[in-house]
Full PDB file with SEQRES, HELIX, SHEET, SSBOND, CRYST1, ORIGX, SCALE, CONECT and MASTER records, all heavy atoms in Angstrom:
SEQRES   1 A   33  THR HIS LYS ARG ILE HIS THR GLY GLU LYS PRO TYR GLN          
SEQRES   2 A   33  CYS LEU GLU CYS GLY LYS THR PHE ALA SER SER SER SER          
SEQRES   3 A   33  LEU ASN SER HIS LYS ARG ILE                                  
HELIX    1 AA1 LYS A    3  THR A    7  1                                   5    
HELIX    2 AA2 SER A   24  LYS A   31  1                                   8    
SHEET    1 AA1 2 TYR A  12  GLN A  13  0                                        
SHEET    2 AA1 2 THR A  20  PHE A  21 -1                                        
CRYST1    1.000    1.000    1.000  90.00  90.00  90.00 P 1           1          
ORIGX1      1.000000  0.000000  0.000000        0.00000                         
ORIGX2      0.000000  1.000000  0.000000        0.00000                         
ORIGX3      0.000000  0.000000  1.000000        0.00000                         
SCALE1      1.000000  0.000000  0.000000        0.00000                         
SCALE2      0.000000  1.000000  0.000000        0.00000                         
SCALE3      0.000000  0.000000  1.000000        0.00000                         
ATOM      1  N   THR A   1     186.679 185.123 237.305  1.00  0.00           N  
ATOM      2  CA  THR A   1     186.749 186.224 238.267  1.00  0.00           C  
ATOM      3  C   THR A   1     188.032 186.133 239.092  1.00  0.00           C  
ATOM      4  O   THR A   1     188.701 187.139 239.330  1.00  0.00           O  
ATOM      5  CB  THR A   1     185.508 186.213 239.188  1.00  0.00           C  
ATOM      6  OG1 THR A   1     184.335 186.351 238.378  1.00  0.00           O  
ATOM      7  CG2 THR A   1     185.562 187.344 240.195  1.00  0.00           C  
ATOM      8  N   HIS A   2     188.399 184.937 239.508  1.00  0.00           N  
ATOM      9  CA  HIS A   2     189.615 184.733 240.299  1.00  0.00           C  
ATOM     10  C   HIS A   2     190.866 185.212 239.568  1.00  0.00           C  
ATOM     11  O   HIS A   2     191.751 185.818 240.173  1.00  0.00           O  
ATOM     12  CB  HIS A   2     189.777 183.249 240.657  1.00  0.00           C  
ATOM     13  CG  HIS A   2     191.150 182.904 241.123  1.00  0.00           C  
ATOM     14  ND1 HIS A   2     191.578 183.160 242.413  1.00  0.00           N  
ATOM     15  CD2 HIS A   2     192.211 182.360 240.472  1.00  0.00           C  
ATOM     16  CE1 HIS A   2     192.850 182.775 242.534  1.00  0.00           C  
ATOM     17  NE2 HIS A   2     193.245 182.278 241.369  1.00  0.00           N  
ATOM     18  N   LYS A   3     190.943 184.941 238.283  1.00  0.00           N  
ATOM     19  CA  LYS A   3     192.123 185.331 237.495  1.00  0.00           C  
ATOM     20  C   LYS A   3     192.396 186.829 237.591  1.00  0.00           C  
ATOM     21  O   LYS A   3     193.537 187.261 237.452  1.00  0.00           O  
ATOM     22  CB  LYS A   3     191.940 184.926 236.027  1.00  0.00           C  
ATOM     23  CG  LYS A   3     192.054 183.437 235.787  1.00  0.00           C  
ATOM     24  CD  LYS A   3     191.819 183.144 234.308  1.00  0.00           C  
ATOM     25  CE  LYS A   3     191.893 181.684 233.992  1.00  0.00           C  
ATOM     26  NZ  LYS A   3     191.592 181.410 232.571  1.00  0.00           N  
ATOM     27  N   ARG A   4     191.364 187.597 237.869  1.00  0.00           N  
ATOM     28  CA  ARG A   4     191.537 189.044 237.984  1.00  0.00           C  
ATOM     29  C   ARG A   4     192.357 189.424 239.217  1.00  0.00           C  
ATOM     30  O   ARG A   4     192.897 190.530 239.276  1.00  0.00           O  
ATOM     31  CB  ARG A   4     190.177 189.728 237.978  1.00  0.00           C  
ATOM     32  CG  ARG A   4     189.488 189.577 236.639  1.00  0.00           C  
ATOM     33  CD  ARG A   4     188.156 190.299 236.583  1.00  0.00           C  
ATOM     34  NE  ARG A   4     187.552 190.066 235.269  1.00  0.00           N  
ATOM     35  CZ  ARG A   4     186.281 189.748 235.083  1.00  0.00           C  
ATOM     36  NH1 ARG A   4     185.459 189.655 236.108  1.00  0.00           N  
ATOM     37  NH2 ARG A   4     185.819 189.548 233.863  1.00  0.00           N  
ATOM     38  N   ILE A   5     192.469 188.525 240.181  1.00  0.00           N  
ATOM     39  CA  ILE A   5     193.347 188.763 241.334  1.00  0.00           C  
ATOM     40  C   ILE A   5     194.788 188.880 240.842  1.00  0.00           C  
ATOM     41  O   ILE A   5     195.543 189.741 241.285  1.00  0.00           O  
ATOM     42  CB  ILE A   5     193.227 187.618 242.367  1.00  0.00           C  
ATOM     43  CG1 ILE A   5     191.860 187.654 243.030  1.00  0.00           C  
ATOM     44  CG2 ILE A   5     194.352 187.683 243.400  1.00  0.00           C  
ATOM     45  CD1 ILE A   5     191.567 186.437 243.894  1.00  0.00           C  
ATOM     46  N   HIS A   6     195.155 188.019 239.918  1.00  0.00           N  
ATOM     47  CA  HIS A   6     196.527 188.001 239.399  1.00  0.00           C  
ATOM     48  C   HIS A   6     196.801 189.179 238.462  1.00  0.00           C  
ATOM     49  O   HIS A   6     197.920 189.688 238.425  1.00  0.00           O  
ATOM     50  CB  HIS A   6     196.799 186.680 238.674  1.00  0.00           C  
ATOM     51  CG  HIS A   6     196.612 185.479 239.549  1.00  0.00           C  
ATOM     52  ND1 HIS A   6     197.350 185.249 240.685  1.00  0.00           N  
ATOM     53  CD2 HIS A   6     195.749 184.435 239.457  1.00  0.00           C  
ATOM     54  CE1 HIS A   6     196.958 184.119 241.255  1.00  0.00           C  
ATOM     55  NE2 HIS A   6     195.982 183.606 240.522  1.00  0.00           N  
ATOM     56  N   THR A   7     195.777 189.591 237.707  1.00  0.00           N  
ATOM     57  CA  THR A   7     195.984 190.674 236.745  1.00  0.00           C  
ATOM     58  C   THR A   7     195.693 192.046 237.342  1.00  0.00           C  
ATOM     59  O   THR A   7     196.139 193.065 236.817  1.00  0.00           O  
ATOM     60  CB  THR A   7     195.077 190.493 235.508  1.00  0.00           C  
ATOM     61  OG1 THR A   7     193.697 190.608 235.924  1.00  0.00           O  
ATOM     62  CG2 THR A   7     195.312 189.159 234.831  1.00  0.00           C  
ATOM     63  N   GLY A   8     194.932 192.063 238.439  1.00  0.00           N  
ATOM     64  CA  GLY A   8     194.533 193.339 239.033  1.00  0.00           C  
ATOM     65  C   GLY A   8     193.393 194.015 238.295  1.00  0.00           C  
ATOM     66  O   GLY A   8     192.989 195.128 238.627  1.00  0.00           O  
ATOM     67  N   GLU A   9     192.840 193.322 237.305  1.00  0.00           N  
ATOM     68  CA  GLU A   9     191.760 193.881 236.492  1.00  0.00           C  
ATOM     69  C   GLU A   9     190.484 194.041 237.316  1.00  0.00           C  
ATOM     70  O   GLU A   9     190.078 193.127 238.030  1.00  0.00           O  
ATOM     71  CB  GLU A   9     191.490 192.958 235.290  1.00  0.00           C  
ATOM     72  CG  GLU A   9     190.397 193.446 234.390  1.00  0.00           C  
ATOM     73  CD  GLU A   9     190.001 192.432 233.326  1.00  0.00           C  
ATOM     74  OE1 GLU A   9     190.451 191.275 233.375  1.00  0.00           O  
ATOM     75  OE2 GLU A   9     189.220 192.815 232.445  1.00  0.00           O  
ATOM     76  N   LYS A  10     189.882 195.223 237.227  1.00  0.00           N  
ATOM     77  CA  LYS A  10     188.592 195.498 237.859  1.00  0.00           C  
ATOM     78  C   LYS A  10     187.749 196.255 236.835  1.00  0.00           C  
ATOM     79  O   LYS A  10     187.656 197.476 236.872  1.00  0.00           O  
ATOM     80  CB  LYS A  10     188.772 196.314 239.135  1.00  0.00           C  
ATOM     81  CG  LYS A  10     189.450 195.549 240.249  1.00  0.00           C  
ATOM     82  CD  LYS A  10     189.483 196.366 241.518  1.00  0.00           C  
ATOM     83  CE  LYS A  10     190.042 195.545 242.652  1.00  0.00           C  
ATOM     84  NZ  LYS A  10     190.031 196.310 243.909  1.00  0.00           N  
ATOM     85  N   PRO A  11     187.136 195.507 235.915  1.00  0.00           N  
ATOM     86  CA  PRO A  11     186.459 196.152 234.777  1.00  0.00           C  
ATOM     87  C   PRO A  11     185.090 196.749 235.077  1.00  0.00           C  
ATOM     88  O   PRO A  11     184.512 197.403 234.212  1.00  0.00           O  
ATOM     89  CB  PRO A  11     186.335 195.008 233.768  1.00  0.00           C  
ATOM     90  CG  PRO A  11     186.293 193.781 234.606  1.00  0.00           C  
ATOM     91  CD  PRO A  11     187.165 194.065 235.801  1.00  0.00           C  
ATOM     92  N   TYR A  12     184.564 196.546 236.259  1.00  0.00           N  
ATOM     93  CA  TYR A  12     183.214 197.031 236.568  1.00  0.00           C  
ATOM     94  C   TYR A  12     183.314 198.220 237.520  1.00  0.00           C  
ATOM     95  O   TYR A  12     183.838 198.101 238.619  1.00  0.00           O  
ATOM     96  CB  TYR A  12     182.376 195.913 237.180  1.00  0.00           C  
ATOM     97  CG  TYR A  12     182.293 194.705 236.281  1.00  0.00           C  
ATOM     98  CD1 TYR A  12     183.153 193.625 236.465  1.00  0.00           C  
ATOM     99  CD2 TYR A  12     181.381 194.660 235.236  1.00  0.00           C  
ATOM    100  CE1 TYR A  12     183.092 192.517 235.627  1.00  0.00           C  
ATOM    101  CE2 TYR A  12     181.316 193.550 234.396  1.00  0.00           C  
ATOM    102  CZ  TYR A  12     182.173 192.500 234.600  1.00  0.00           C  
ATOM    103  OH  TYR A  12     182.115 191.408 233.767  1.00  0.00           O  
ATOM    104  N   GLN A  13     182.769 199.381 237.086  1.00  0.00           N  
ATOM    105  CA  GLN A  13     182.899 200.597 237.870  1.00  0.00           C  
ATOM    106  C   GLN A  13     181.534 201.152 238.255  1.00  0.00           C  
ATOM    107  O   GLN A  13     180.612 201.218 237.447  1.00  0.00           O  
ATOM    108  CB  GLN A  13     183.673 201.661 237.089  1.00  0.00           C  
ATOM    109  CG  GLN A  13     183.921 202.918 237.899  1.00  0.00           C  
ATOM    110  CD  GLN A  13     184.843 203.891 237.204  1.00  0.00           C  
ATOM    111  OE1 GLN A  13     184.964 203.889 235.989  1.00  0.00           O  
ATOM    112  NE2 GLN A  13     185.506 204.724 237.975  1.00  0.00           N  
ATOM    113  N   CYS A  14     181.431 201.589 239.504  1.00  0.00           N  
ATOM    114  CA  CYS A  14     180.218 202.234 239.998  1.00  0.00           C  
ATOM    115  C   CYS A  14     180.178 203.666 239.471  1.00  0.00           C  
ATOM    116  O   CYS A  14     181.120 204.436 239.681  1.00  0.00           O  
ATOM    117  CB  CYS A  14     180.217 202.237 241.529  1.00  0.00           C  
ATOM    118  SG  CYS A  14     178.803 203.114 242.245  1.00  0.00           S  
ATOM    119  N   LEU A  15     179.121 204.007 238.783  1.00  0.00           N  
ATOM    120  CA  LEU A  15     178.981 205.350 238.224  1.00  0.00           C  
ATOM    121  C   LEU A  15     178.686 206.386 239.308  1.00  0.00           C  
ATOM    122  O   LEU A  15     178.910 207.578 239.117  1.00  0.00           O  
ATOM    123  CB  LEU A  15     177.876 205.371 237.163  1.00  0.00           C  
ATOM    124  CG  LEU A  15     178.099 204.452 235.956  1.00  0.00           C  
ATOM    125  CD1 LEU A  15     176.902 204.488 235.017  1.00  0.00           C  
ATOM    126  CD2 LEU A  15     179.379 204.817 235.220  1.00  0.00           C  
ATOM    127  N   GLU A  16     178.234 205.915 240.451  1.00  0.00           N  
ATOM    128  CA  GLU A  16     177.889 206.804 241.565  1.00  0.00           C  
ATOM    129  C   GLU A  16     179.129 207.306 242.304  1.00  0.00           C  
ATOM    130  O   GLU A  16     179.274 208.491 242.569  1.00  0.00           O  
ATOM    131  CB  GLU A  16     176.978 206.047 242.537  1.00  0.00           C  
ATOM    132  CG  GLU A  16     176.405 206.890 243.637  1.00  0.00           C  
ATOM    133  CD  GLU A  16     175.156 207.641 243.233  1.00  0.00           C  
ATOM    134  OE1 GLU A  16     174.503 207.254 242.252  1.00  0.00           O  
ATOM    135  OE2 GLU A  16     174.837 208.622 243.919  1.00  0.00           O  
ATOM    136  N   CYS A  17     180.059 206.388 242.626  1.00  0.00           N  
ATOM    137  CA  CYS A  17     181.215 206.772 243.449  1.00  0.00           C  
ATOM    138  C   CYS A  17     182.568 206.467 242.816  1.00  0.00           C  
ATOM    139  O   CYS A  17     183.607 206.851 243.361  1.00  0.00           O  
ATOM    140  CB  CYS A  17     181.129 206.100 244.815  1.00  0.00           C  
ATOM    141  SG  CYS A  17     181.363 204.300 244.773  1.00  0.00           S  
ATOM    142  N   GLY A  18     182.568 205.754 241.688  1.00  0.00           N  
ATOM    143  CA  GLY A  18     183.824 205.463 240.995  1.00  0.00           C  
ATOM    144  C   GLY A  18     184.552 204.219 241.453  1.00  0.00           C  
ATOM    145  O   GLY A  18     185.555 203.834 240.858  1.00  0.00           O  
ATOM    146  N   LYS A  19     184.080 203.558 242.481  1.00  0.00           N  
ATOM    147  CA  LYS A  19     184.735 202.346 242.974  1.00  0.00           C  
ATOM    148  C   LYS A  19     184.668 201.257 241.898  1.00  0.00           C  
ATOM    149  O   LYS A  19     183.670 201.149 241.185  1.00  0.00           O  
ATOM    150  CB  LYS A  19     184.051 201.876 244.259  1.00  0.00           C  
ATOM    151  CG  LYS A  19     184.792 200.779 244.973  1.00  0.00           C  
ATOM    152  CD  LYS A  19     184.191 200.505 246.356  1.00  0.00           C  
ATOM    153  CE  LYS A  19     184.992 199.405 247.027  1.00  0.00           C  
ATOM    154  NZ  LYS A  19     184.495 199.106 248.364  1.00  0.00           N  
ATOM    155  N   THR A  20     185.735 200.463 241.776  1.00  0.00           N  
ATOM    156  CA  THR A  20     185.783 199.416 240.749  1.00  0.00           C  
ATOM    157  C   THR A  20     185.760 198.031 241.368  1.00  0.00           C  
ATOM    158  O   THR A  20     186.169 197.843 242.526  1.00  0.00           O  
ATOM    159  CB  THR A  20     187.036 199.565 239.870  1.00  0.00           C  
ATOM    160  OG1 THR A  20     188.197 199.541 240.698  1.00  0.00           O  
ATOM    161  CG2 THR A  20     186.994 200.853 239.061  1.00  0.00           C  
ATOM    162  N   PHE A  21     185.305 197.056 240.550  1.00  0.00           N  
ATOM    163  CA  PHE A  21     185.108 195.695 241.033  1.00  0.00           C  
ATOM    164  C   PHE A  21     185.558 194.684 239.993  1.00  0.00           C  
ATOM    165  O   PHE A  21     185.526 194.957 238.798  1.00  0.00           O  
ATOM    166  CB  PHE A  21     183.625 195.466 241.367  1.00  0.00           C  
ATOM    167  CG  PHE A  21     183.132 196.392 242.435  1.00  0.00           C  
ATOM    168  CD1 PHE A  21     182.625 197.638 242.108  1.00  0.00           C  
ATOM    169  CD2 PHE A  21     183.214 196.035 243.766  1.00  0.00           C  
ATOM    170  CE1 PHE A  21     182.206 198.509 243.086  1.00  0.00           C  
ATOM    171  CE2 PHE A  21     182.793 196.896 244.753  1.00  0.00           C  
ATOM    172  CZ  PHE A  21     182.285 198.142 244.421  1.00  0.00           C  
ATOM    173  N   ALA A  22     185.931 193.507 240.466  1.00  0.00           N  
ATOM    174  CA  ALA A  22     186.383 192.433 239.588  1.00  0.00           C  
ATOM    175  C   ALA A  22     185.212 191.675 238.967  1.00  0.00           C  
ATOM    176  O   ALA A  22     185.383 190.991 237.969  1.00  0.00           O  
ATOM    177  CB  ALA A  22     187.287 191.473 240.358  1.00  0.00           C  
ATOM    178  N   SER A  23     184.024 191.768 239.555  1.00  0.00           N  
ATOM    179  CA  SER A  23     182.871 191.037 239.013  1.00  0.00           C  
ATOM    180  C   SER A  23     181.643 191.938 238.952  1.00  0.00           C  
ATOM    181  O   SER A  23     181.492 192.862 239.759  1.00  0.00           O  
ATOM    182  CB  SER A  23     182.559 189.802 239.870  1.00  0.00           C  
ATOM    183  OG  SER A  23     182.058 190.189 241.130  1.00  0.00           O  
ATOM    184  N   SER A  24     180.775 191.644 238.010  1.00  0.00           N  
ATOM    185  CA  SER A  24     179.546 192.424 237.862  1.00  0.00           C  
ATOM    186  C   SER A  24     178.623 192.215 239.061  1.00  0.00           C  
ATOM    187  O   SER A  24     177.918 193.137 239.467  1.00  0.00           O  
ATOM    188  CB  SER A  24     178.818 192.061 236.565  1.00  0.00           C  
ATOM    189  OG  SER A  24     178.453 190.702 236.560  1.00  0.00           O  
ATOM    190  N   SER A  25     178.654 191.020 239.635  1.00  0.00           N  
ATOM    191  CA  SER A  25     177.791 190.772 240.790  1.00  0.00           C  
ATOM    192  C   SER A  25     178.235 191.605 241.997  1.00  0.00           C  
ATOM    193  O   SER A  25     177.397 192.095 242.755  1.00  0.00           O  
ATOM    194  CB  SER A  25     177.754 189.283 241.139  1.00  0.00           C  
ATOM    195  OG  SER A  25     179.054 188.819 241.448  1.00  0.00           O  
ATOM    196  N   SER A  26     179.543 191.790 242.158  1.00  0.00           N  
ATOM    197  CA  SER A  26     180.031 192.645 243.248  1.00  0.00           C  
ATOM    198  C   SER A  26     179.607 194.093 243.030  1.00  0.00           C  
ATOM    199  O   SER A  26     179.228 194.787 243.972  1.00  0.00           O  
ATOM    200  CB  SER A  26     181.552 192.561 243.352  1.00  0.00           C  
ATOM    201  OG  SER A  26     181.951 191.270 243.721  1.00  0.00           O  
ATOM    202  N   LEU A  27     179.670 194.547 241.782  1.00  0.00           N  
ATOM    203  CA  LEU A  27     179.222 195.904 241.471  1.00  0.00           C  
ATOM    204  C   LEU A  27     177.737 196.053 241.756  1.00  0.00           C  
ATOM    205  O   LEU A  27     177.314 197.023 242.402  1.00  0.00           O  
ATOM    206  CB  LEU A  27     179.511 196.249 240.009  1.00  0.00           C  
ATOM    207  CG  LEU A  27     178.898 197.572 239.510  1.00  0.00           C  
ATOM    208  CD1 LEU A  27     179.404 198.763 240.313  1.00  0.00           C  
ATOM    209  CD2 LEU A  27     179.182 197.755 238.026  1.00  0.00           C  
ATOM    210  N   ASN A  28     176.929 195.097 241.298  1.00  0.00           N  
ATOM    211  CA  ASN A  28     175.481 195.183 241.523  1.00  0.00           C  
ATOM    212  C   ASN A  28     175.145 195.195 243.004  1.00  0.00           C  
ATOM    213  O   ASN A  28     174.275 195.939 243.450  1.00  0.00           O  
ATOM    214  CB  ASN A  28     174.755 194.043 240.808  1.00  0.00           C  
ATOM    215  CG  ASN A  28     174.680 194.263 239.316  1.00  0.00           C  
ATOM    216  OD1 ASN A  28     174.682 195.390 238.851  1.00  0.00           O  
ATOM    217  ND2 ASN A  28     174.629 193.189 238.558  1.00  0.00           N  
ATOM    218  N   SER A  29     175.829 194.385 243.764  1.00  0.00           N  
ATOM    219  CA  SER A  29     175.621 194.360 245.212  1.00  0.00           C  
ATOM    220  C   SER A  29     176.015 195.706 245.822  1.00  0.00           C  
ATOM    221  O   SER A  29     175.310 196.255 246.663  1.00  0.00           O  
ATOM    222  CB  SER A  29     176.445 193.229 245.823  1.00  0.00           C  
ATOM    223  OG  SER A  29     176.272 193.186 247.208  1.00  0.00           O  
ATOM    224  N   HIS A  30     177.150 196.252 245.388  1.00  0.00           N  
ATOM    225  CA  HIS A  30     177.624 197.541 245.885  1.00  0.00           C  
ATOM    226  C   HIS A  30     176.624 198.657 245.589  1.00  0.00           C  
ATOM    227  O   HIS A  30     176.379 199.519 246.444  1.00  0.00           O  
ATOM    228  CB  HIS A  30     178.981 197.875 245.247  1.00  0.00           C  
ATOM    229  CG  HIS A  30     179.366 199.309 245.416  1.00  0.00           C  
ATOM    230  ND1 HIS A  30     179.925 199.797 246.584  1.00  0.00           N  
ATOM    231  CD2 HIS A  30     179.253 200.370 244.570  1.00  0.00           C  
ATOM    232  CE1 HIS A  30     180.146 201.100 246.449  1.00  0.00           C  
ATOM    233  NE2 HIS A  30     179.747 201.463 245.234  1.00  0.00           N  
ATOM    234  N   LYS A  31     176.036 198.662 244.410  1.00  0.00           N  
ATOM    235  CA  LYS A  31     175.099 199.717 244.018  1.00  0.00           C  
ATOM    236  C   LYS A  31     173.943 199.842 245.005  1.00  0.00           C  
ATOM    237  O   LYS A  31     173.394 200.924 245.199  1.00  0.00           O  
ATOM    238  CB  LYS A  31     174.540 199.444 242.618  1.00  0.00           C  
ATOM    239  CG  LYS A  31     175.498 199.721 241.496  1.00  0.00           C  
ATOM    240  CD  LYS A  31     174.803 199.372 240.172  1.00  0.00           C  
ATOM    241  CE  LYS A  31     175.673 199.569 238.978  1.00  0.00           C  
ATOM    242  NZ  LYS A  31     174.987 199.144 237.739  1.00  0.00           N  
ATOM    243  N   ARG A  32     173.596 198.742 245.628  1.00  0.00           N  
ATOM    244  CA  ARG A  32     172.479 198.752 246.578  1.00  0.00           C  
ATOM    245  C   ARG A  32     172.795 199.573 247.827  1.00  0.00           C  
ATOM    246  O   ARG A  32     171.888 199.992 248.537  1.00  0.00           O  
ATOM    247  CB  ARG A  32     172.086 197.325 246.929  1.00  0.00           C  
ATOM    248  CG  ARG A  32     171.528 196.594 245.725  1.00  0.00           C  
ATOM    249  CD  ARG A  32     171.067 195.184 246.068  1.00  0.00           C  
ATOM    250  NE  ARG A  32     170.937 194.445 244.834  1.00  0.00           N  
ATOM    251  CZ  ARG A  32     171.605 193.338 244.538  1.00  0.00           C  
ATOM    252  NH1 ARG A  32     172.414 192.802 245.417  1.00  0.00           N  
ATOM    253  NH2 ARG A  32     171.458 192.753 243.383  1.00  0.00           N  
ATOM    254  N   ILE A  33     174.082 199.814 248.086  1.00  0.00           N  
ATOM    255  CA  ILE A  33     174.460 200.702 249.188  1.00  0.00           C  
ATOM    256  C   ILE A  33     173.937 202.105 248.888  1.00  0.00           C  
ATOM    257  O   ILE A  33     173.410 202.780 249.765  1.00  0.00           O  
ATOM    258  CB  ILE A  33     175.999 200.721 249.381  1.00  0.00           C  
ATOM    259  CG1 ILE A  33     176.472 199.374 249.909  1.00  0.00           C  
ATOM    260  CG2 ILE A  33     176.428 201.866 250.302  1.00  0.00           C  
ATOM    261  CD1 ILE A  33     177.983 199.192 249.891  1.00  0.00           C  
TER     262      ILE A  33                                                      
MASTER        0    0    0    2    2    0    0    6  261    1    0    3          
END                                                                             
């Protein structure tokens, strides 16, 4: 997950609002909003 800081990769996207995340756990946590 850390390596994505260097690459800028955010492969996980919220289908509700389009926001992207570097980890699936961050996306899952975000979805609860």
